[in-house]
């Protein structure tokens, strides 16, 4: 089974961002600009998260920095990592 896409995991955020970019929320021009920036970077953010997860998998240590990183990833994944 493949992992869900970011749009599948965060449908409300994706719908809002796409609506802003498409002009549906043109009364919020700054939000549309920020949404476009987020959409443009979603793939890079997802790749960064996968890379961080791999680094933790191959070199996990008991250390405050690793614990903080794993906690942040858990938040990002809705506590499901």
PDB file of N, CA and C in Angstrom:
ATOM      1  N   UNK A   1       0.849  -1.186   0.000  1.00  0.00           N
ATOM      2  CA  UNK A   1       0.000   0.000   0.000  1.00  0.00           C
ATOM      3  C   UNK A   1       0.888   1.240   0.000  1.00  0.00           C
ATOM      4  N   UNK A   2       0.611   2.166  -0.888  1.00  0.00           N
ATOM      5  CA  UNK A   2       1.426   3.373  -0.982  1.00  0.00           C
ATOM      6  C   UNK A   2       1.023   4.376   0.096  1.00  0.00           C
ATOM      7  N   UNK A   3       1.977   5.242   0.412  1.00  0.00           N
ATOM      8  CA  UNK A   3       1.708   6.286   1.397  1.00  0.00           C
ATOM      9  C   UNK A   3       0.772   7.314   0.786  1.00  0.00           C
ATOM     10  N   UNK A   4      -0.110   7.888   1.596  1.00  0.00           N
ATOM     11  CA  UNK A   4      -1.004   8.918   1.065  1.00  0.00           C
ATOM     12  C   UNK A   4      -0.219  10.168   0.681  1.00  0.00           C
ATOM     13  N   UNK A   5      -0.732  10.871  -0.308  1.00  0.00           N
ATOM     14  CA  UNK A   5      -0.111  12.124  -0.727  1.00  0.00           C
ATOM     15  C   UNK A   5      -0.364  13.189   0.335  1.00  0.00           C
ATOM     16  N   UNK A   6       0.371  14.288   0.220  1.00  0.00           N
ATOM     17  CA  UNK A   6       0.142  15.396   1.146  1.00  0.00           C
ATOM     18  C   UNK A   6      -1.286  15.910   1.021  1.00  0.00           C
ATOM     19  N   UNK A   7      -1.810  15.950  -0.199  1.00  0.00           N
ATOM     20  CA  UNK A   7      -3.182  16.400  -0.398  1.00  0.00           C
ATOM     21  C   UNK A   7      -4.174  15.477   0.301  1.00  0.00           C
ATOM     22  N   UNK A   8      -3.885  14.174   0.289  1.00  0.00           N
ATOM     23  CA  UNK A   8      -4.767  13.219   0.959  1.00  0.00           C
ATOM     24  C   UNK A   8      -4.647  13.341   2.480  1.00  0.00           C
ATOM     25  N   UNK A   9      -3.442  13.601   2.960  1.00  0.00           N
ATOM     26  CA  UNK A   9      -3.235  13.706   4.396  1.00  0.00           C
ATOM     27  C   UNK A   9      -3.752  15.025   4.958  1.00  0.00           C
ATOM     28  N   UNK A  10      -3.686  16.078   4.175  1.00  0.00           N
ATOM     29  CA  UNK A  10      -4.090  17.406   4.634  1.00  0.00           C
ATOM     30  C   UNK A  10      -5.061  18.021   3.639  1.00  0.00           C
ATOM     31  N   UNK A  11      -6.248  17.428   3.461  1.00  0.00           N
ATOM     32  CA  UNK A  11      -7.160  17.887   2.404  1.00  0.00           C
ATOM     33  C   UNK A  11      -7.638  19.324   2.579  1.00  0.00           C
ATOM     34  N   UNK A  12      -7.870  19.775   3.795  1.00  0.00           N
ATOM     35  CA  UNK A  12      -8.361  21.140   3.990  1.00  0.00           C
ATOM     36  C   UNK A  12      -7.315  22.170   3.611  1.00  0.00           C
ATOM     37  N   UNK A  13      -6.069  21.928   3.988  1.00  0.00           N
ATOM     38  CA  UNK A  13      -4.997  22.859   3.653  1.00  0.00           C
ATOM     39  C   UNK A  13      -4.779  22.863   2.142  1.00  0.00           C
ATOM     40  N   UNK A  14      -4.758  21.687   1.533  1.00  0.00           N
ATOM     41  CA  UNK A  14      -4.547  21.606   0.091  1.00  0.00           C
ATOM     42  C   UNK A  14      -5.666  22.313  -0.666  1.00  0.00           C
ATOM     43  N   UNK A  15      -6.922  22.118  -0.251  1.00  0.00           N
ATOM     44  CA  UNK A  15      -8.051  22.759  -0.925  1.00  0.00           C
ATOM     45  C   UNK A  15      -7.985  24.275  -0.790  1.00  0.00           C
ATOM     46  N   UNK A  16      -7.646  24.757   0.397  1.00  0.00           N
ATOM     47  CA  UNK A  16      -7.530  26.201   0.596  1.00  0.00           C
ATOM     48  C   UNK A  16      -6.419  26.768  -0.270  1.00  0.00           C
ATOM     49  N   UNK A  17      -5.271  26.101  -0.254  1.00  0.00           N
ATOM     50  CA  UNK A  17      -4.140  26.588  -1.050  1.00  0.00           C
ATOM     51  C   UNK A  17      -4.477  26.609  -2.531  1.00  0.00           C
ATOM     52  N   UNK A  18      -5.094  25.550  -3.028  1.00  0.00           N
ATOM     53  CA  UNK A  18      -5.441  25.493  -4.450  1.00  0.00           C
ATOM     54  C   UNK A  18      -6.494  26.541  -4.796  1.00  0.00           C
ATOM     55  N   UNK A  19      -7.444  26.765  -3.893  1.00  0.00           N
ATOM     56  CA  UNK A  19      -8.456  27.795  -4.120  1.00  0.00           C
ATOM     57  C   UNK A  19      -7.839  29.179  -4.195  1.00  0.00           C
ATOM     58  N   UNK A  20      -6.867  29.438  -3.326  1.00  0.00           N
ATOM     59  CA  UNK A  20      -6.191  30.733  -3.342  1.00  0.00           C
ATOM     60  C   UNK A  20      -5.429  30.927  -4.639  1.00  0.00           C
ATOM     61  N   UNK A  21      -4.719  29.889  -5.057  1.00  0.00           N
ATOM     62  CA  UNK A  21      -3.919  29.992  -6.273  1.00  0.00           C
ATOM     63  C   UNK A  21      -4.804  30.155  -7.500  1.00  0.00           C
ATOM     64  N   UNK A  22      -5.945  29.466  -7.521  1.00  0.00           N
ATOM     65  CA  UNK A  22      -6.814  29.527  -8.694  1.00  0.00           C
ATOM     66  C   UNK A  22      -7.571  30.846  -8.790  1.00  0.00           C
ATOM     67  N   UNK A  23      -7.534  31.646  -7.746  1.00  0.00           N
ATOM     68  CA  UNK A  23      -8.228  32.925  -7.763  1.00  0.00           C
ATOM     69  C   UNK A  23      -9.577  32.882  -7.077  1.00  0.00           C
ATOM     70  N   UNK A  24      -9.965  31.722  -6.548  1.00  0.00           N
ATOM     71  CA  UNK A  24     -11.251  31.618  -5.874  1.00  0.00           C
ATOM     72  C   UNK A  24     -11.333  32.542  -4.661  1.00  0.00           C
ATOM     73  N   UNK A  25     -10.187  32.818  -4.070  1.00  0.00           N
ATOM     74  CA  UNK A  25     -10.142  33.689  -2.901  1.00  0.00           C
ATOM     75  C   UNK A  25      -9.333  34.942  -3.234  1.00  0.00           C
ATOM     76  N   UNK A  26      -9.620  35.525  -4.380  1.00  0.00           N
ATOM     77  CA  UNK A  26      -8.815  36.645  -4.860  1.00  0.00           C
ATOM     78  C   UNK A  26      -8.894  37.856  -3.943  1.00  0.00           C
ATOM     79  N   UNK A  27      -9.865  37.896  -3.037  1.00  0.00           N
ATOM     80  CA  UNK A  27      -9.919  39.009  -2.091  1.00  0.00           C
ATOM     81  C   UNK A  27      -8.812  38.912  -1.049  1.00  0.00           C
ATOM     82  N   UNK A  28      -8.087  37.798  -1.063  1.00  0.00           N
ATOM     83  CA  UNK A  28      -6.969  37.596  -0.137  1.00  0.00           C
ATOM     84  C   UNK A  28      -5.678  37.427  -0.935  1.00  0.00           C
ATOM     85  N   UNK A  29      -5.221  38.464  -1.615  1.00  0.00           N
ATOM     86  CA  UNK A  29      -4.070  38.294  -2.508  1.00  0.00           C
ATOM     87  C   UNK A  29      -2.803  37.823  -1.800  1.00  0.00           C
ATOM     88  N   UNK A  30      -2.540  38.299  -0.602  1.00  0.00           N
ATOM     89  CA  UNK A  30      -1.325  37.865   0.092  1.00  0.00           C
ATOM     90  C   UNK A  30      -1.411  36.390   0.456  1.00  0.00           C
ATOM     91  N   UNK A  31      -2.587  35.932   0.864  1.00  0.00           N
ATOM     92  CA  UNK A  31      -2.768  34.518   1.174  1.00  0.00           C
ATOM     93  C   UNK A  31      -2.544  33.676  -0.079  1.00  0.00           C
ATOM     94  N   UNK A  32      -2.984  34.171  -1.228  1.00  0.00           N
ATOM     95  CA  UNK A  32      -2.768  33.445  -2.476  1.00  0.00           C
ATOM     96  C   UNK A  32      -1.282  33.323  -2.781  1.00  0.00           C
ATOM     97  N   UNK A  33      -0.526  34.379  -2.549  1.00  0.00           N
ATOM     98  CA  UNK A  33       0.922  34.340  -2.781  1.00  0.00           C
ATOM     99  C   UNK A  33       1.571  33.330  -1.847  1.00  0.00           C
ATOM    100  N   UNK A  34       1.197  33.370  -0.567  1.00  0.00           N
ATOM    101  CA  UNK A  34       1.774  32.445   0.400  1.00  0.00           C
ATOM    102  C   UNK A  34       1.379  31.003   0.088  1.00  0.00           C
ATOM    103  N   UNK A  35       0.153  30.796  -0.355  1.00  0.00           N
ATOM    104  CA  UNK A  35      -0.289  29.447  -0.713  1.00  0.00           C
ATOM    105  C   UNK A  35       0.515  28.914  -1.896  1.00  0.00           C
ATOM    106  N   UNK A  36       0.799  29.765  -2.859  1.00  0.00           N
ATOM    107  CA  UNK A  36       1.597  29.345  -4.017  1.00  0.00           C
ATOM    108  C   UNK A  36       3.007  28.940  -3.574  1.00  0.00           C
ATOM    109  N   UNK A  37       3.572  29.690  -2.648  1.00  0.00           N
ATOM    110  CA  UNK A  37       4.904  29.361  -2.128  1.00  0.00           C
ATOM    111  C   UNK A  37       4.873  27.994  -1.458  1.00  0.00           C
ATOM    112  N   UNK A  38       3.853  27.744  -0.649  1.00  0.00           N
ATOM    113  CA  UNK A  38       3.733  26.451   0.033  1.00  0.00           C
ATOM    114  C   UNK A  38       3.569  25.331  -0.987  1.00  0.00           C
ATOM    115  N   UNK A  39       2.687  25.512  -1.956  1.00  0.00           N
ATOM    116  CA  UNK A  39       2.475  24.478  -2.967  1.00  0.00           C
ATOM    117  C   UNK A  39       3.746  24.186  -3.753  1.00  0.00           C
ATOM    118  N   UNK A  40       4.482  25.234  -4.082  1.00  0.00           N
ATOM    119  CA  UNK A  40       5.722  25.059  -4.835  1.00  0.00           C
ATOM    120  C   UNK A  40       6.751  24.260  -4.048  1.00  0.00           C
ATOM    121  N   UNK A  41       6.664  24.298  -2.734  1.00  0.00           N
ATOM    122  CA  UNK A  41       7.681  23.659  -1.899  1.00  0.00           C
ATOM    123  C   UNK A  41       7.222  22.363  -1.254  1.00  0.00           C
ATOM    124  N   UNK A  42       5.997  21.940  -1.472  1.00  0.00           N
ATOM    125  CA  UNK A  42       5.506  20.718  -0.824  1.00  0.00           C
ATOM    126  C   UNK A  42       6.365  19.505  -1.156  1.00  0.00           C
ATOM    127  N   UNK A  43       6.732  19.344  -2.398  1.00  0.00           N
ATOM    128  CA  UNK A  43       7.560  18.195  -2.776  1.00  0.00           C
ATOM    129  C   UNK A  43       8.914  18.244  -2.087  1.00  0.00           C
ATOM    130  N   UNK A  44       9.516  19.430  -2.029  1.00  0.00           N
ATOM    131  CA  UNK A  44      10.817  19.565  -1.371  1.00  0.00           C
ATOM    132  C   UNK A  44      10.695  19.301   0.131  1.00  0.00           C
ATOM    133  N   UNK A  45       9.629  19.771   0.738  1.00  0.00           N
ATOM    134  CA  UNK A  45       9.409  19.527   2.165  1.00  0.00           C
ATOM    135  C   UNK A  45       9.220  18.036   2.415  1.00  0.00           C
ATOM    136  N   UNK A  46       8.432  17.383   1.583  1.00  0.00           N
ATOM    137  CA  UNK A  46       8.211  15.942   1.738  1.00  0.00           C
ATOM    138  C   UNK A  46       9.518  15.172   1.582  1.00  0.00           C
ATOM    139  N   UNK A  47      10.350  15.560   0.619  1.00  0.00           N
ATOM    140  CA  UNK A  47      11.643  14.905   0.425  1.00  0.00           C
ATOM    141  C   UNK A  47      12.555  15.136   1.622  1.00  0.00           C
ATOM    142  N   UNK A  48      12.543  16.325   2.169  1.00  0.00           N
ATOM    143  CA  UNK A  48      13.339  16.622   3.355  1.00  0.00           C
ATOM    144  C   UNK A  48      12.899  15.757   4.530  1.00  0.00           C
ATOM    145  N   UNK A  49      11.598  15.624   4.727  1.00  0.00           N
ATOM    146  CA  UNK A  49      11.084  14.791   5.821  1.00  0.00           C
ATOM    147  C   UNK A  49      11.503  13.343   5.616  1.00  0.00           C
ATOM    148  N   UNK A  50      11.367  12.822   4.386  1.00  0.00           N
ATOM    149  CA  UNK A  50      11.786  11.431   4.129  1.00  0.00           C
ATOM    150  C   UNK A  50      13.278  11.256   4.405  1.00  0.00           C
ATOM    151  N   UNK A  51      14.067  12.233   4.035  1.00  0.00           N
ATOM    152  CA  UNK A  51      15.507  12.162   4.276  1.00  0.00           C
ATOM    153  C   UNK A  51      15.818  12.161   5.767  1.00  0.00           C
ATOM    154  N   UNK A  52      15.156  13.013   6.510  1.00  0.00           N
ATOM    155  CA  UNK A  52      15.357  13.058   7.959  1.00  0.00           C
ATOM    156  C   UNK A  52      14.951  11.730   8.591  1.00  0.00           C
ATOM    157  N   UNK A  53      13.828  11.174   8.146  1.00  0.00           N
ATOM    158  CA  UNK A  53      13.388   9.882   8.679  1.00  0.00           C
ATOM    159  C   UNK A  53      14.421   8.793   8.404  1.00  0.00           C
ATOM    160  N   UNK A  54      15.023   8.818   7.233  1.00  0.00           N
ATOM    161  CA  UNK A  54      16.036   7.822   6.888  1.00  0.00           C
ATOM    162  C   UNK A  54      17.289   7.998   7.741  1.00  0.00           C
ATOM    163  N   UNK A  55      17.706   9.227   7.955  1.00  0.00           N
ATOM    164  CA  UNK A  55      18.870   9.481   8.806  1.00  0.00           C
ATOM    165  C   UNK A  55      18.609   8.954  10.219  1.00  0.00           C
ATOM    166  N   UNK A  56      17.426   9.211  10.733  1.00  0.00           N
ATOM    167  CA  UNK A  56      17.092   8.709  12.068  1.00  0.00           C
ATOM    168  C   UNK A  56      17.062   7.184  12.077  1.00  0.00           C
ATOM    169  N   UNK A  57      16.508   6.591  11.032  1.00  0.00           N
ATOM    170  CA  UNK A  57      16.425   5.131  10.972  1.00  0.00           C
ATOM    171  C   UNK A  57      17.810   4.486  11.015  1.00  0.00           C
ATOM    172  N   UNK A  58      18.770   5.053  10.288  1.00  0.00           N
ATOM    173  CA  UNK A  58      20.078   4.392  10.204  1.00  0.00           C
ATOM    174  C   UNK A  58      21.042   4.808  11.309  1.00  0.00           C
ATOM    175  N   UNK A  59      20.739   5.889  12.021  1.00  0.00           N
ATOM    176  CA  UNK A  59      21.705   6.331  13.029  1.00  0.00           C
ATOM    177  C   UNK A  59      21.041   6.855  14.300  1.00  0.00           C
ATOM    178  N   UNK A  60      19.920   6.290  14.668  1.00  0.00           N
ATOM    179  CA  UNK A  60      19.181   6.743  15.840  1.00  0.00           C
ATOM    180  C   UNK A  60      20.030   6.605  17.107  1.00  0.00           C
ATOM    181  N   UNK A  61      19.978   7.627  17.923  1.00  0.00           N
ATOM    182  CA  UNK A  61      20.693   7.634  19.198  1.00  0.00           C
ATOM    183  C   UNK A  61      19.788   8.206  20.274  1.00  0.00           C
ATOM    184  N   UNK A  62      20.096   7.858  21.501  1.00  0.00           N
ATOM    185  CA  UNK A  62      19.376   8.466  22.618  1.00  0.00           C
ATOM    186  C   UNK A  62      20.057   9.791  22.922  1.00  0.00           C
ATOM    187  N   UNK A  63      19.445  10.855  22.449  1.00  0.00           N
ATOM    188  CA  UNK A  63      20.004  12.193  22.614  1.00  0.00           C
ATOM    189  C   UNK A  63      18.852  13.186  22.502  1.00  0.00           C
ATOM    190  N   UNK A  64      18.949  14.289  23.209  1.00  0.00           N
ATOM    191  CA  UNK A  64      17.876  15.288  23.172  1.00  0.00           C
ATOM    192  C   UNK A  64      17.577  15.785  21.754  1.00  0.00           C
ATOM    193  N   UNK A  65      18.605  15.970  20.941  1.00  0.00           N
ATOM    194  CA  UNK A  65      18.389  16.456  19.574  1.00  0.00           C
ATOM    195  C   UNK A  65      17.615  15.441  18.739  1.00  0.00           C
ATOM    196  N   UNK A  66      17.957  14.153  18.873  1.00  0.00           N
ATOM    197  CA  UNK A  66      17.223  13.117  18.142  1.00  0.00           C
ATOM    198  C   UNK A  66      15.789  13.038  18.649  1.00  0.00           C
ATOM    199  N   UNK A  67      15.616  13.109  19.973  1.00  0.00           N
ATOM    200  CA  UNK A  67      14.263  13.042  20.547  1.00  0.00           C
ATOM    201  C   UNK A  67      13.407  14.206  20.063  1.00  0.00           C
ATOM    202  N   UNK A  68      13.989  15.395  20.012  1.00  0.00           N
ATOM    203  CA  UNK A  68      13.243  16.562  19.529  1.00  0.00           C
ATOM    204  C   UNK A  68      12.871  16.409  18.054  1.00  0.00           C
ATOM    205  N   UNK A  69      13.787  15.867  17.270  1.00  0.00           N
ATOM    206  CA  UNK A  69      13.513  15.654  15.844  1.00  0.00           C
ATOM    207  C   UNK A  69      12.404  14.636  15.657  1.00  0.00           C
ATOM    208  N   UNK A  70      12.470  13.538  16.411  1.00  0.00           N
ATOM    209  CA  UNK A  70      11.416  12.517  16.296  1.00  0.00           C
ATOM    210  C   UNK A  70      10.067  13.068  16.758  1.00  0.00           C
ATOM    211  N   UNK A  71      10.062  13.887  17.799  1.00  0.00           N
ATOM    212  CA  UNK A  71       8.809  14.493  18.264  1.00  0.00           C
ATOM    213  C   UNK A  71       8.225  15.426  17.201  1.00  0.00           C
ATOM    214  N   UNK A  72       9.090  16.193  16.548  1.00  0.00           N
ATOM    215  CA  UNK A  72       8.616  17.091  15.488  1.00  0.00           C
ATOM    216  C   UNK A  72       8.042  16.296  14.315  1.00  0.00           C
ATOM    217  N   UNK A  73       8.702  15.196  13.951  1.00  0.00           N
ATOM    218  CA  UNK A  73       8.186  14.345  12.870  1.00  0.00           C
ATOM    219  C   UNK A  73       6.850  13.724  13.264  1.00  0.00           C
ATOM    220  N   UNK A  74       6.715  13.326  14.521  1.00  0.00           N
ATOM    221  CA  UNK A  74       5.438  12.785  14.991  1.00  0.00           C
ATOM    222  C   UNK A  74       4.324  13.818  14.858  1.00  0.00           C
ATOM    223  N   UNK A  75       4.605  15.058  15.227  1.00  0.00           N
ATOM    224  CA  UNK A  75       3.611  16.132  15.069  1.00  0.00           C
ATOM    225  C   UNK A  75       3.225  16.295  13.610  1.00  0.00           C
ATOM    226  N   UNK A  76       4.231  16.305  12.746  1.00  0.00           N
ATOM    227  CA  UNK A  76       3.993  16.459  11.311  1.00  0.00           C
ATOM    228  C   UNK A  76       3.122  15.334  10.774  1.00  0.00           C
ATOM    229  N   UNK A  77       3.332  14.127  11.296  1.00  0.00           N
ATOM    230  CA  UNK A  77       2.588  12.960  10.840  1.00  0.00           C
ATOM    231  C   UNK A  77       1.325  12.703  11.653  1.00  0.00           C
ATOM    232  N   UNK A  78       0.916  13.657  12.454  1.00  0.00           N
ATOM    233  CA  UNK A  78      -0.287  13.498  13.258  1.00  0.00           C
ATOM    234  C   UNK A  78      -0.142  12.411  14.312  1.00  0.00           C
ATOM    235  N   UNK A  79       1.084  12.205  14.789  1.00  0.00           N
ATOM    236  CA  UNK A  79       1.345  11.197  15.801  1.00  0.00           C
ATOM    237  C   UNK A  79       1.361   9.785  15.282  1.00  0.00           C
ATOM    238  N   UNK A  80       1.491   9.623  13.952  1.00  0.00           N
ATOM    239  CA  UNK A  80       1.394   8.292  13.340  1.00  0.00           C
ATOM    240  C   UNK A  80       2.705   7.778  12.769  1.00  0.00           C
ATOM    241  N   UNK A  81       3.835   8.330  13.176  1.00  0.00           N
ATOM    242  CA  UNK A  81       5.086   7.849  12.593  1.00  0.00           C
ATOM    243  C   UNK A  81       5.738   6.794  13.448  1.00  0.00           C
TER     244      UNK A  81
END
